[in-house]
């Protein structure tokens, strides 16, 4: 466990997964990144500035949240609503393996995540 409370190997696994979502030649147009917090990882779609008045920062749009419960060692998938609030995703049981959540997202079976 790292100081932030998340398993280090799982954080690296999710970061690698995010980096692999977009071919290298398109990363100037879109990226998938992972924001790390003490108890969860938020997967974000990132886009470059599209208007000068918005500044040079890329926009970050949350896609999914992977919440880790230290006491049980389980990862739980959360979806984001239109008000940017996250809710537990009921169609996938929590898992001790973060890869199970990533595999589910890879299937793109539910448009609630990727639209």
C-alpha atoms as a PDB file:
ATOM      1  CA  UNK A   1       0.000   0.000   0.000  1.00  0.00           C
ATOM      2  CA  UNK A   2       1.180   3.463  -0.769  1.00  0.00           C
ATOM      3  CA  UNK A   3       0.883   6.541   1.400  1.00  0.00           C
ATOM      4  CA  UNK A   4      -2.268   7.451  -0.509  1.00  0.00           C
ATOM      5  CA  UNK A   5      -3.948   4.234   0.635  1.00  0.00           C
ATOM      6  CA  UNK A   6      -4.250   2.550  -2.757  1.00  0.00           C
ATOM      7  CA  UNK A   7      -2.310  -0.530  -3.810  1.00  0.00           C
ATOM      8  CA  UNK A   8       0.657   0.762  -5.837  1.00  0.00           C
ATOM      9  CA  UNK A   9       0.514  -2.035  -8.409  1.00  0.00           C
ATOM     10  CA  UNK A  10      -3.176  -1.373  -9.060  1.00  0.00           C
ATOM     11  CA  UNK A  11      -2.531   2.345  -9.550  1.00  0.00           C
ATOM     12  CA  UNK A  12       0.185   1.541 -12.091  1.00  0.00           C
ATOM     13  CA  UNK A  13      -2.097  -1.013 -13.789  1.00  0.00           C
ATOM     14  CA  UNK A  14      -4.869   1.585 -14.219  1.00  0.00           C
ATOM     15  CA  UNK A  15      -2.428   4.255 -15.438  1.00  0.00           C
ATOM     16  CA  UNK A  16      -1.064   1.838 -18.060  1.00  0.00           C
ATOM     17  CA  UNK A  17      -4.582   0.872 -19.094  1.00  0.00           C
ATOM     18  CA  UNK A  18      -5.482   4.544 -19.534  1.00  0.00           C
ATOM     19  CA  UNK A  19      -2.376   5.207 -21.625  1.00  0.00           C
ATOM     20  CA  UNK A  20      -3.261   2.279 -23.869  1.00  0.00           C
ATOM     21  CA  UNK A  21      -6.766   3.521 -24.655  1.00  0.00           C
ATOM     22  CA  UNK A  22      -5.657   5.988 -27.336  1.00  0.00           C
ATOM     23  CA  UNK A  23      -3.163   5.267 -30.124  1.00  0.00           C
ATOM     24  CA  UNK A  24       0.006   7.334 -29.768  1.00  0.00           C
ATOM     25  CA  UNK A  25      -0.587   9.242 -33.008  1.00  0.00           C
ATOM     26  CA  UNK A  26      -3.918  10.584 -31.645  1.00  0.00           C
ATOM     27  CA  UNK A  27      -2.710  11.691 -28.210  1.00  0.00           C
ATOM     28  CA  UNK A  28      -2.458  15.309 -29.372  1.00  0.00           C
ATOM     29  CA  UNK A  29      -6.234  15.225 -29.865  1.00  0.00           C
ATOM     30  CA  UNK A  30      -7.452  13.033 -27.017  1.00  0.00           C
ATOM     31  CA  UNK A  31      -6.016  11.218 -24.011  1.00  0.00           C
ATOM     32  CA  UNK A  32      -7.390   8.987 -21.284  1.00  0.00           C
ATOM     33  CA  UNK A  33      -5.781   9.682 -17.921  1.00  0.00           C
ATOM     34  CA  UNK A  34      -6.158   8.641 -14.315  1.00  0.00           C
ATOM     35  CA  UNK A  35      -6.544  11.085 -11.428  1.00  0.00           C
ATOM     36  CA  UNK A  36      -5.325   9.575  -8.157  1.00  0.00           C
ATOM     37  CA  UNK A  37      -7.030  10.340  -4.832  1.00  0.00           C
ATOM     38  CA  UNK A  38      -6.550   8.681  -1.410  1.00  0.00           C
ATOM     39  CA  UNK A  39      -9.349   6.121  -1.895  1.00  0.00           C
ATOM     40  CA  UNK A  40     -10.175   6.132  -5.576  1.00  0.00           C
ATOM     41  CA  UNK A  41      -8.975   6.545  -9.130  1.00  0.00           C
ATOM     42  CA  UNK A  42     -10.947   8.635 -11.601  1.00  0.00           C
ATOM     43  CA  UNK A  43     -10.625   7.824 -15.284  1.00  0.00           C
ATOM     44  CA  UNK A  44     -10.870  11.005 -17.370  1.00  0.00           C
ATOM     45  CA  UNK A  45     -11.146  11.771 -21.056  1.00  0.00           C
ATOM     46  CA  UNK A  46      -8.870  14.731 -21.804  1.00  0.00           C
ATOM     47  CA  UNK A  47      -9.083  17.076 -24.791  1.00  0.00           C
ATOM     48  CA  UNK A  48      -6.883  19.982 -25.876  1.00  0.00           C
ATOM     49  CA  UNK A  49      -8.138  23.579 -25.654  1.00  0.00           C
ATOM     50  CA  UNK A  50     -10.584  24.313 -28.436  1.00  0.00           C
ATOM     51  CA  UNK A  51     -11.051  28.049 -27.783  1.00  0.00           C
ATOM     52  CA  UNK A  52      -8.332  30.572 -27.009  1.00  0.00           C
ATOM     53  CA  UNK A  53     -10.397  32.274 -24.292  1.00  0.00           C
ATOM     54  CA  UNK A  54     -10.477  29.016 -22.317  1.00  0.00           C
ATOM     55  CA  UNK A  55      -6.722  29.041 -21.818  1.00  0.00           C
ATOM     56  CA  UNK A  56      -4.024  26.489 -22.555  1.00  0.00           C
ATOM     57  CA  UNK A  57      -5.231  23.752 -20.189  1.00  0.00           C
ATOM     58  CA  UNK A  58      -6.716  20.527 -21.493  1.00  0.00           C
ATOM     59  CA  UNK A  59     -10.285  19.804 -20.409  1.00  0.00           C
ATOM     60  CA  UNK A  60     -10.794  16.788 -18.150  1.00  0.00           C
ATOM     61  CA  UNK A  61     -14.112  14.940 -18.294  1.00  0.00           C
ATOM     62  CA  UNK A  62     -14.616  12.152 -15.725  1.00  0.00           C
ATOM     63  CA  UNK A  63     -15.716   8.856 -17.258  1.00  0.00           C
ATOM     64  CA  UNK A  64     -15.644   6.396 -14.345  1.00  0.00           C
ATOM     65  CA  UNK A  65     -14.382   6.079 -10.808  1.00  0.00           C
ATOM     66  CA  UNK A  66     -12.712   3.023  -9.317  1.00  0.00           C
ATOM     67  CA  UNK A  67     -13.135   3.071  -5.542  1.00  0.00           C
ATOM     68  CA  UNK A  68     -10.943   0.956  -3.280  1.00  0.00           C
ATOM     69  CA  UNK A  69     -12.113  -0.161   0.159  1.00  0.00           C
ATOM     70  CA  UNK A  70      -9.028  -0.871   2.225  1.00  0.00           C
ATOM     71  CA  UNK A  71     -10.840  -2.956   4.869  1.00  0.00           C
ATOM     72  CA  UNK A  72     -12.162  -5.468   2.328  1.00  0.00           C
ATOM     73  CA  UNK A  73      -9.573  -5.045  -0.422  1.00  0.00           C
ATOM     74  CA  UNK A  74     -12.369  -4.644  -2.975  1.00  0.00           C
ATOM     75  CA  UNK A  75     -12.547  -2.333  -5.978  1.00  0.00           C
ATOM     76  CA  UNK A  76     -15.980  -0.932  -6.897  1.00  0.00           C
ATOM     77  CA  UNK A  77     -17.010   0.749 -10.136  1.00  0.00           C
ATOM     78  CA  UNK A  78     -18.876   4.086 -10.062  1.00  0.00           C
ATOM     79  CA  UNK A  79     -20.575   5.988 -12.889  1.00  0.00           C
ATOM     80  CA  UNK A  80     -20.935   9.770 -13.233  1.00  0.00           C
ATOM     81  CA  UNK A  81     -24.261  11.518 -13.716  1.00  0.00           C
ATOM     82  CA  UNK A  82     -24.907  14.771 -15.617  1.00  0.00           C
ATOM     83  CA  UNK A  83     -24.327  16.756 -12.415  1.00  0.00           C
ATOM     84  CA  UNK A  84     -20.818  15.285 -12.113  1.00  0.00           C
ATOM     85  CA  UNK A  85     -21.770  13.140  -9.109  1.00  0.00           C
ATOM     86  CA  UNK A  86     -20.670   9.529  -8.890  1.00  0.00           C
ATOM     87  CA  UNK A  87     -22.950   6.585  -8.090  1.00  0.00           C
ATOM     88  CA  UNK A  88     -22.196   2.927  -7.499  1.00  0.00           C
ATOM     89  CA  UNK A  89     -22.587   0.922 -10.682  1.00  0.00           C
ATOM     90  CA  UNK A  90     -24.981  -1.885  -9.808  1.00  0.00           C
ATOM     91  CA  UNK A  91     -24.346  -4.150 -12.819  1.00  0.00           C
ATOM     92  CA  UNK A  92     -20.833  -5.195 -11.768  1.00  0.00           C
ATOM     93  CA  UNK A  93     -20.007  -6.661  -8.373  1.00  0.00           C
ATOM     94  CA  UNK A  94     -17.015  -5.312  -6.452  1.00  0.00           C
ATOM     95  CA  UNK A  95     -13.838  -7.287  -7.078  1.00  0.00           C
ATOM     96  CA  UNK A  96     -10.484  -7.772  -5.356  1.00  0.00           C
ATOM     97  CA  UNK A  97      -8.933  -7.317  -8.823  1.00  0.00           C
ATOM     98  CA  UNK A  98      -9.003  -3.834 -10.374  1.00  0.00           C
ATOM     99  CA  UNK A  99      -8.401  -5.529 -13.725  1.00  0.00           C
ATOM    100  CA  UNK A 100     -11.959  -6.931 -13.582  1.00  0.00           C
ATOM    101  CA  UNK A 101     -13.301  -3.363 -13.621  1.00  0.00           C
ATOM    102  CA  UNK A 102     -10.962  -2.362 -16.444  1.00  0.00           C
ATOM    103  CA  UNK A 103     -11.991  -5.422 -18.460  1.00  0.00           C
ATOM    104  CA  UNK A 104     -15.632  -4.426 -18.031  1.00  0.00           C
ATOM    105  CA  UNK A 105     -14.896  -0.886 -19.225  1.00  0.00           C
ATOM    106  CA  UNK A 106     -12.977  -2.348 -22.189  1.00  0.00           C
ATOM    107  CA  UNK A 107     -16.108  -4.202 -23.300  1.00  0.00           C
ATOM    108  CA  UNK A 108     -17.904  -0.852 -23.714  1.00  0.00           C
ATOM    109  CA  UNK A 109     -21.100  -2.772 -22.970  1.00  0.00           C
ATOM    110  CA  UNK A 110     -22.780   0.159 -21.233  1.00  0.00           C
ATOM    111  CA  UNK A 111     -22.854   3.590 -22.920  1.00  0.00           C
ATOM    112  CA  UNK A 112     -23.183   5.233 -19.498  1.00  0.00           C
ATOM    113  CA  UNK A 113     -19.371   5.331 -19.428  1.00  0.00           C
ATOM    114  CA  UNK A 114     -18.193   6.109 -22.949  1.00  0.00           C
ATOM    115  CA  UNK A 115     -21.362   7.518 -24.507  1.00  0.00           C
END
